[in-house]
Amino acid sequence: QQQQQQQQQLTAATHSSLEAFAGQAVTCSAAAPPAAKPPTSAGSSSSSKQGQLPPSGNEQLDRYLNYLLHEAPHKFLYYPQWGLSEQGCAAIAAFLRRDKRIKVITLSGNSIRDEGVDLIAEALAANSSLLCLDLSDNKISNTGALSLAEALHS
């Protein structure tokens, strides 16, 4: 019974923290990485390597994710203020399931909603390399923030 009370207190504290957190950036000690420059041609040489990621509905994002997956030497996904759809979030989630090198993710100002953050959270649940996640200035409610916190805690 005491353990159950402690769990309830922890859950209440988590919900309280998430209410204060919702819509804020997750901070880390790493400096913001420079923006990567994805290949500009639609026919990148990476298209034949280990298959393509699912389409995001945004050709630039598709090229960028494939570049990061197959060619980029760094471990940063930096894609702020592009207005990601749920389909774009699904493509990022598929990328995160395949690439376990990513240390820093910046998706601030993309109008990401709970449905999109749920997709990303599911992919991050199995990721042990992530050090910093910036989802500031999105449209994530307390429900989405809780989903993300639960995924990162698992």
C-alpha atoms as a PDB file:
ATOM      1  CA  GLN A   1       0.000   0.000   0.000  1.00  0.00           C
ATOM      2  CA  GLN A   2       2.878   2.365   0.793  1.00  0.00           C
ATOM      3  CA  GLN A   3       4.422   1.613  -2.602  1.00  0.00           C
ATOM      4  CA  GLN A   4       1.085   2.369  -4.271  1.00  0.00           C
ATOM      5  CA  GLN A   5       0.898   5.732  -2.463  1.00  0.00           C
ATOM      6  CA  GLN A   6       4.430   6.573  -3.544  1.00  0.00           C
ATOM      7  CA  GLN A   7       3.530   5.711  -7.133  1.00  0.00           C
ATOM      8  CA  GLN A   8       0.450   7.946  -6.955  1.00  0.00           C
ATOM      9  CA  GLN A   9       2.534  10.815  -5.548  1.00  0.00           C
ATOM     10  CA  LEU A  10       5.118  10.347  -8.294  1.00  0.00           C
ATOM     11  CA  THR A  11       2.385  10.311 -10.937  1.00  0.00           C
ATOM     12  CA  ALA A  12       0.835  13.496  -9.500  1.00  0.00           C
ATOM     13  CA  ALA A  13       4.243  15.197  -9.409  1.00  0.00           C
ATOM     14  CA  THR A  14       4.927  14.101 -12.988  1.00  0.00           C
ATOM     15  CA  HIS A  15       1.590  15.497 -14.180  1.00  0.00           C
ATOM     16  CA  SER A  16       2.268  18.758 -12.347  1.00  0.00           C
ATOM     17  CA  SER A  17       5.735  19.023 -13.905  1.00  0.00           C
ATOM     18  CA  LEU A  18       4.359  18.241 -17.345  1.00  0.00           C
ATOM     19  CA  GLU A  19       1.748  20.967 -17.054  1.00  0.00           C
ATOM     20  CA  ALA A  20       4.549  23.449 -16.416  1.00  0.00           C
ATOM     21  CA  PHE A  21       6.645  21.840 -19.158  1.00  0.00           C
ATOM     22  CA  ALA A  22       4.096  21.583 -21.980  1.00  0.00           C
ATOM     23  CA  GLY A  23       5.146  23.791 -24.870  1.00  0.00           C
ATOM     24  CA  GLN A  24       8.627  24.433 -23.440  1.00  0.00           C
ATOM     25  CA  ALA A  25      11.983  23.253 -24.771  1.00  0.00           C
ATOM     26  CA  VAL A  26      13.715  20.233 -23.377  1.00  0.00           C
ATOM     27  CA  THR A  27      17.135  21.567 -22.498  1.00  0.00           C
ATOM     28  CA  CYS A  28      20.494  19.938 -22.622  1.00  0.00           C
ATOM     29  CA  SER A  29      24.124  20.864 -22.299  1.00  0.00           C
ATOM     30  CA  ALA A  30      24.932  20.387 -25.974  1.00  0.00           C
ATOM     31  CA  ALA A  31      25.227  23.453 -28.176  1.00  0.00           C
ATOM     32  CA  ALA A  32      22.857  23.740 -31.114  1.00  0.00           C
ATOM     33  CA  PRO A  33      24.419  22.046 -34.125  1.00  0.00           C
ATOM     34  CA  PRO A  34      24.909  23.807 -37.417  1.00  0.00           C
ATOM     35  CA  ALA A  35      22.218  23.059 -39.959  1.00  0.00           C
ATOM     36  CA  ALA A  36      23.166  20.219 -42.257  1.00  0.00           C
ATOM     37  CA  LYS A  37      22.954  20.811 -45.968  1.00  0.00           C
ATOM     38  CA  PRO A  38      21.140  17.899 -47.573  1.00  0.00           C
ATOM     39  CA  PRO A  39      21.793  17.003 -51.184  1.00  0.00           C
ATOM     40  CA  THR A  40      19.826  19.206 -53.558  1.00  0.00           C
ATOM     41  CA  SER A  41      19.222  16.695 -56.321  1.00  0.00           C
ATOM     42  CA  ALA A  42      16.174  14.479 -56.011  1.00  0.00           C
ATOM     43  CA  GLY A  43      18.195  11.477 -57.212  1.00  0.00           C
ATOM     44  CA  SER A  44      20.657  11.155 -54.362  1.00  0.00           C
ATOM     45  CA  SER A  45      23.102   8.282 -54.379  1.00  0.00           C
ATOM     46  CA  SER A  46      21.633   7.185 -51.042  1.00  0.00           C
ATOM     47  CA  SER A  47      18.367   6.055 -52.639  1.00  0.00           C
ATOM     48  CA  SER A  48      19.708   2.578 -53.338  1.00  0.00           C
ATOM     49  CA  LYS A  49      21.337   2.097 -49.904  1.00  0.00           C
ATOM     50  CA  GLN A  50      19.262  -0.073 -47.535  1.00  0.00           C
ATOM     51  CA  GLY A  51      15.954   1.169 -48.967  1.00  0.00           C
ATOM     52  CA  GLN A  52      14.107   4.422 -48.588  1.00  0.00           C
ATOM     53  CA  LEU A  53      12.263   5.815 -45.613  1.00  0.00           C
ATOM     54  CA  PRO A  54       8.502   6.283 -46.005  1.00  0.00           C
ATOM     55  CA  PRO A  55       7.615   9.558 -47.758  1.00  0.00           C
ATOM     56  CA  SER A  56       6.945  12.510 -45.464  1.00  0.00           C
ATOM     57  CA  GLY A  57       4.935  14.573 -47.947  1.00  0.00           C
ATOM     58  CA  ASN A  58       7.862  17.026 -48.028  1.00  0.00           C
ATOM     59  CA  GLU A  59      10.594  16.336 -50.586  1.00  0.00           C
ATOM     60  CA  GLN A  60      13.171  18.410 -48.717  1.00  0.00           C
ATOM     61  CA  LEU A  61      12.572  16.510 -45.466  1.00  0.00           C
ATOM     62  CA  ASP A  62      12.766  13.185 -47.324  1.00  0.00           C
ATOM     63  CA  ARG A  63      16.150  14.115 -48.830  1.00  0.00           C
ATOM     64  CA  TYR A  64      17.414  15.389 -45.475  1.00  0.00           C
ATOM     65  CA  LEU A  65      16.428  12.245 -43.550  1.00  0.00           C
ATOM     66  CA  ASN A  66      17.959   9.967 -46.193  1.00  0.00           C
ATOM     67  CA  TYR A  67      21.119  12.104 -46.177  1.00  0.00           C
ATOM     68  CA  LEU A  68      21.341  11.809 -42.377  1.00  0.00           C
ATOM     69  CA  LEU A  69      20.689   8.085 -42.491  1.00  0.00           C
ATOM     70  CA  HIS A  70      23.165   7.198 -45.221  1.00  0.00           C
ATOM     71  CA  GLU A  71      25.770   9.935 -45.615  1.00  0.00           C
ATOM     72  CA  ALA A  72      25.988  12.433 -42.754  1.00  0.00           C
ATOM     73  CA  PRO A  73      28.926  12.038 -40.384  1.00  0.00           C
ATOM     74  CA  HIS A  74      27.240  13.980 -37.561  1.00  0.00           C
ATOM     75  CA  LYS A  75      24.616  12.924 -35.055  1.00  0.00           C
ATOM     76  CA  PHE A  76      22.192  15.853 -35.152  1.00  0.00           C
ATOM     77  CA  LEU A  77      18.705  16.115 -36.628  1.00  0.00           C
ATOM     78  CA  TYR A  78      18.142  19.865 -36.993  1.00  0.00           C
ATOM     79  CA  TYR A  79      14.840  20.754 -38.683  1.00  0.00           C
ATOM     80  CA  PRO A  80      13.193  23.751 -36.988  1.00  0.00           C
ATOM     81  CA  GLN A  81      10.274  25.851 -38.241  1.00  0.00           C
ATOM     82  CA  TRP A  82       9.183  23.884 -41.301  1.00  0.00           C
ATOM     83  CA  GLY A  83       5.650  22.973 -40.227  1.00  0.00           C
ATOM     84  CA  LEU A  84       5.720  19.193 -39.886  1.00  0.00           C
ATOM     85  CA  SER A  85       2.559  17.265 -40.688  1.00  0.00           C
ATOM     86  CA  GLU A  86       1.641  13.994 -39.010  1.00  0.00           C
ATOM     87  CA  GLN A  87       3.049  12.267 -42.110  1.00  0.00           C
ATOM     88  CA  GLY A  88       6.326  14.163 -41.601  1.00  0.00           C
ATOM     89  CA  CYS A  89       6.433  13.050 -37.963  1.00  0.00           C
ATOM     90  CA  ALA A  90       5.855   9.449 -39.115  1.00  0.00           C
ATOM     91  CA  ALA A  91       8.847   9.737 -41.467  1.00  0.00           C
ATOM     92  CA  ILE A  92      10.996  11.128 -38.648  1.00  0.00           C
ATOM     93  CA  ALA A  93       9.835   8.269 -36.401  1.00  0.00           C
ATOM     94  CA  ALA A  94      10.806   5.720 -39.080  1.00  0.00           C
ATOM     95  CA  PHE A  95      14.193   7.429 -39.378  1.00  0.00           C
ATOM     96  CA  LEU A  96      14.714   7.292 -35.589  1.00  0.00           C
ATOM     97  CA  ARG A  97      13.938   3.565 -35.539  1.00  0.00           C
ATOM     98  CA  ARG A  98      16.701   2.968 -38.102  1.00  0.00           C
ATOM     99  CA  ASP A  99      19.372   5.450 -37.013  1.00  0.00           C
ATOM    100  CA  LYS A 100      20.634   4.891 -33.486  1.00  0.00           C
ATOM    101  CA  ARG A 101      23.436   7.514 -33.723  1.00  0.00           C
ATOM    102  CA  ILE A 102      21.292  10.610 -33.234  1.00  0.00           C
ATOM    103  CA  LYS A 103      22.278  12.567 -30.119  1.00  0.00           C
ATOM    104  CA  VAL A 104      20.446  15.892 -30.623  1.00  0.00           C
ATOM    105  CA  ILE A 105      17.046  16.523 -32.207  1.00  0.00           C
ATOM    106  CA  THR A 106      15.710  20.024 -32.833  1.00  0.00           C
ATOM    107  CA  LEU A 107      12.144  20.171 -34.145  1.00  0.00           C
ATOM    108  CA  SER A 108      11.126  23.505 -32.630  1.00  0.00           C
ATOM    109  CA  GLY A 109       8.442  25.676 -34.191  1.00  0.00           C
ATOM    110  CA  ASN A 110       6.995  22.969 -36.429  1.00  0.00           C
ATOM    111  CA  SER A 111       3.343  23.037 -35.276  1.00  0.00           C
ATOM    112  CA  ILE A 112       3.707  19.415 -34.138  1.00  0.00           C
ATOM    113  CA  ARG A 113       0.537  18.192 -32.431  1.00  0.00           C
ATOM    114  CA  ASP A 114      -0.065  15.316 -30.010  1.00  0.00           C
ATOM    115  CA  GLU A 115      -0.542  12.779 -32.811  1.00  0.00           C
ATOM    116  CA  GLY A 116       2.845  13.644 -34.278  1.00  0.00           C
ATOM    117  CA  VAL A 117       4.646  13.645 -30.941  1.00  0.00           C
ATOM    118  CA  ASP A 118       3.086  10.242 -30.170  1.00  0.00           C
ATOM    119  CA  LEU A 119       4.705   8.821 -33.321  1.00  0.00           C
ATOM    120  CA  ILE A 120       8.074  10.317 -32.430  1.00  0.00           C
ATOM    121  CA  ALA A 121       7.742   9.188 -28.792  1.00  0.00           C
ATOM    122  CA  GLU A 122       7.142   5.573 -29.851  1.00  0.00           C
ATOM    123  CA  ALA A 123      10.347   5.626 -31.895  1.00  0.00           C
ATOM    124  CA  LEU A 124      12.332   7.257 -29.097  1.00  0.00           C
ATOM    125  CA  ALA A 125      11.220   4.664 -26.533  1.00  0.00           C
ATOM    126  CA  ALA A 126      13.880   2.270 -27.830  1.00  0.00           C
ATOM    127  CA  ASN A 127      16.536   4.951 -28.388  1.00  0.00           C
ATOM    128  CA  SER A 128      19.350   5.064 -25.840  1.00  0.00           C
ATOM    129  CA  SER A 129      21.626   7.535 -27.642  1.00  0.00           C
ATOM    130  CA  LEU A 130      19.486  10.693 -27.459  1.00  0.00           C
ATOM    131  CA  LEU A 131      20.896  13.432 -25.219  1.00  0.00           C
ATOM    132  CA  CYS A 132      18.823  16.466 -26.195  1.00  0.00           C
ATOM    133  CA  LEU A 133      15.344  16.954 -27.636  1.00  0.00           C
ATOM    134  CA  ASP A 134      13.939  20.392 -28.496  1.00  0.00           C
ATOM    135  CA  LEU A 135      10.218  20.464 -29.213  1.00  0.00           C
ATOM    136  CA  SER A 136       9.666  24.073 -28.145  1.00  0.00           C
ATOM    137  CA  ASP A 137       7.051  26.230 -29.860  1.00  0.00           C
ATOM    138  CA  ASN A 138       4.921  23.336 -31.041  1.00  0.00           C
ATOM    139  CA  LYS A 139       1.254  22.538 -30.397  1.00  0.00           C
ATOM    140  CA  ILE A 140       1.801  19.757 -27.879  1.00  0.00           C
ATOM    141  CA  SER A 141      -0.752  19.492 -25.062  1.00  0.00           C
ATOM    142  CA  ASN A 142      -0.246  17.983 -21.621  1.00  0.00           C
ATOM    143  CA  THR A 143      -1.428  14.668 -23.066  1.00  0.00           C
ATOM    144  CA  GLY A 144       1.277  14.699 -25.734  1.00  0.00           C
ATOM    145  CA  ALA A 145       3.916  15.784 -23.221  1.00  0.00           C
ATOM    146  CA  LEU A 146       2.909  12.904 -20.929  1.00  0.00           C
ATOM    147  CA  SER A 147       3.144  10.440 -23.827  1.00  0.00           C
ATOM    148  CA  LEU A 148       6.629  11.728 -24.612  1.00  0.00           C
ATOM    149  CA  ALA A 149       7.734  11.580 -20.968  1.00  0.00           C
ATOM    150  CA  GLU A 150       6.475   8.011 -20.613  1.00  0.00           C
ATOM    151  CA  ALA A 151       8.296   6.935 -23.771  1.00  0.00           C
ATOM    152  CA  LEU A 152      11.558   8.531 -22.695  1.00  0.00           C
ATOM    153  CA  HIS A 153      11.229   7.087 -19.195  1.00  0.00           C
ATOM    154  CA  SER A 154      10.789   3.496 -20.416  1.00  0.00           C
END
